[in-house]
Amino acid sequence: MTTGGYSSVSEYFRELVRQDQKRQAAEHLEVILLEGLNSGNTTEMTPEDWEDIRQAVRERITKHKGSNNFGF
């Protein structure tokens, strides 16, 4: 089967699945962006806010490294 540039039915099916996954991801992104836009009044980020975010990221990285079987 070479119609449409696919060498097999399974290759064609995999492409359909990938396209659907991309569509679903785009829809999800649109939903969360709209939620953010409609979430209320904006406030300016302070240096303390940014530091809190950095600290939370550091803690997640440390936790992830601790659960990694490879030790890095």
Protein backbone atom coordinates (compact mmCIF):
# COMPACT_ATOMS: atom_id res chain seq x y z
CA MET A 1 0.00 0.00 0.00
CA THR A 2 1.77 3.14 -1.16
CA THR A 3 -1.26 5.40 -1.68
CA GLY A 4 -0.84 8.66 0.19
CA GLY A 5 2.83 8.09 0.96
CA TYR A 6 2.31 5.48 3.67
CA SER A 7 4.01 2.11 3.40
CA SER A 8 1.50 0.26 5.56
CA VAL A 9 -1.88 0.56 7.22
CA SER A 10 -0.21 0.70 10.64
CA GLU A 11 1.98 3.62 9.56
CA TYR A 12 -1.13 5.47 8.39
CA PHE A 13 -2.93 4.67 11.64
CA ARG A 14 0.02 5.88 13.76
CA GLU A 15 -0.03 9.17 11.83
CA LEU A 16 -3.75 9.56 12.54
CA VAL A 17 -3.12 8.95 16.24
CA ARG A 18 -0.28 11.51 16.30
CA GLN A 19 -2.45 14.11 14.58
CA ASP A 20 -5.25 13.52 17.07
CA GLN A 21 -2.83 13.84 20.01
CA LYS A 22 -1.57 17.15 18.63
CA ARG A 23 -5.14 18.39 18.19
CA GLN A 24 -6.03 17.41 21.76
CA ALA A 25 -2.90 19.12 23.11
CA ALA A 26 -3.74 22.31 21.20
CA GLU A 27 -7.30 22.25 22.58
CA HIS A 28 -6.00 21.73 26.12
CA LEU A 29 -3.55 24.60 25.74
CA GLU A 30 -6.34 26.89 24.53
CA VAL A 31 -8.49 25.94 27.52
CA ILE A 32 -5.79 26.66 30.10
CA LEU A 33 -4.81 29.91 28.39
CA LEU A 34 -8.43 31.07 28.49
CA GLU A 35 -8.67 30.04 32.14
CA GLY A 36 -5.63 32.18 32.86
CA LEU A 37 -7.05 35.17 31.00
CA ASN A 38 -10.35 34.86 32.86
CA SER A 39 -8.83 34.18 36.31
CA GLY A 40 -9.14 37.74 37.60
CA ASN A 41 -7.11 40.86 37.98
CA THR A 42 -3.40 40.67 37.42
CA THR A 43 -0.86 41.62 40.03
CA GLU A 44 2.78 42.47 39.53
CA MET A 45 5.27 39.79 40.49
CA THR A 46 7.58 40.83 43.30
CA PRO A 47 11.15 39.67 43.80
CA GLU A 48 9.83 37.59 46.71
CA ASP A 49 7.31 35.89 44.40
CA TRP A 50 10.09 34.94 41.98
CA GLU A 51 12.26 33.64 44.83
CA ASP A 52 9.36 31.52 46.11
CA ILE A 53 8.98 30.03 42.62
CA ARG A 54 12.72 29.34 42.38
CA GLN A 55 12.70 27.67 45.79
CA ALA A 56 9.73 25.47 44.85
CA VAL A 57 11.53 24.41 41.67
CA ARG A 58 14.72 23.64 43.59
CA GLU A 59 12.74 21.48 46.03
CA ARG A 60 11.06 19.57 43.19
CA ILE A 61 14.42 18.98 41.51
CA THR A 62 15.93 17.74 44.76
CA LYS A 63 12.95 15.45 45.36
CA HIS A 64 13.15 14.13 41.78
CA LYS A 65 16.89 13.47 42.08
CA GLY A 66 16.26 11.52 45.27
CA SER A 67 13.78 9.22 43.52
CA ASN A 68 15.97 8.69 40.44
CA ASN A 69 17.49 5.21 40.28
CA PHE A 70 20.52 6.52 38.40
CA GLY A 71 21.58 8.96 41.12
CA PHE A 72 21.63 12.09 38.96
